[in-house]
Amino acid sequence: MKYRVWAATGLAAASLAGAARADTASFKDWTAVCDNVRNCTAFGFSPESPEAVETMGYVKVERGPGRLATPLITLTTYQQERAPWQVAVDGKVVASVTPAPSPDDDQASVELTPEQGRALLAASRAGQQLTVSAGSGATQISLAGSAAALRWIDDHQKRAGTSTALLATGPKSGAAVPPPPPRPLVRAAGPVSQAGLPRRLPPSVKAELKTCDEDIDTLGIDPIVARLSPGVILWGSVCSRGAYNIIYSFLLSDERGGRVRPAVIPFEGRETTDSLMNADFDPKSQTLTNFDKGRGLGDCGAETSWVWDGRAFRLTGQTLMPECRGVLAGDWPPSFVTRAR
């Protein structure tokens, strides 16, 4: 049985058993993620300080792989007044922006215009600190590591040495940037009837779960039971738990509970698992999902999805945040993408 154990801080994607093979790197207070088709995202964070939680924030720099893709820069702050923001680098104002209303009263975000984004990137080349001020409040975002993170993205998007690079510019034109690789094609099988499924695990399946926690039944969590195809039943049983994660073990059997074997849940490359944290299955879309939460706040980890294609599970997508620095799941960057048709 294999499952991921996340550290509270400083997660490195190369050490994540089961993560899609995203390229990630961290440089001081910045981290970057590029997916399998060269979508890339960099984050710059507020300096780590328990006393500064209410004034923390981050800057997000996203760029698609296309030759003419424009960088998209978003600023997010917590406990920040909704008055117009003054955005400054080392005390020099580079933009004045107004955050959009947010359903989360403790968070506000604003997307910079392309012109504002270029001004911010230019000022950040040799900058030390990005400050977002609103009324009496101010959020400090460190620029330590920003140049290295943006140059890393230029390298991974094969822009280094071209006029389209974020920082590693050169004499070549954008025509020198190669097209991105195509998204892998993954098609889910059509849904099948779920009629007549048992609600409890048969003895033959329970017999394969001897290594699970002895007191796991006291949680009272119903197993995941679904028919993937005629003659193929998926069983997902809670096997262990942590402070904020529930780990499921997945098995397959025939309709009568025979031919029990571990489910093979793949990741990019040859890595597979039969156990997932915080998992769910939707029989209508034949989609298996999970949320690896790195800590209770839910500001680091991975969200991953698979579909049953009629014969096997296929990886369809993953978003990833390797650093526990206040970025909630809705803002995590893609680390693996596919297409359905």
Foldseek 3Di string as FASTA:
>chain_A
DDAFAFALFDFDVVPTQAAFPWDKDDFVQKIKTAAQQLWIKMKWWFPDDPVCQQWIWIKMWTFDLDLPTQIKIKTKTFNADQAWKFKDFPPHTLDIGGWDDDPDNGMTMDIDDSSSVLSVLVSLPPTAWIWIDDDPGIHITGSRRVVVRQVVSCVSSVNQQECSGSPNHHPHYSVRRDHTDAFAADAFDAFDDFPPWDFDQDPLQVVVLVQFDPCQCVVVDTWDWGDRDQQKIKTWDFRYDDPAKTKIFIWIGGPVSHPIDAAWADHPDRRTDRMAIQWDADRRRQKIKGWAANDDVQQFGKIWMWHHRPPHTDTAWMFGDRGRRPHHPVPTHTHHHHDHD
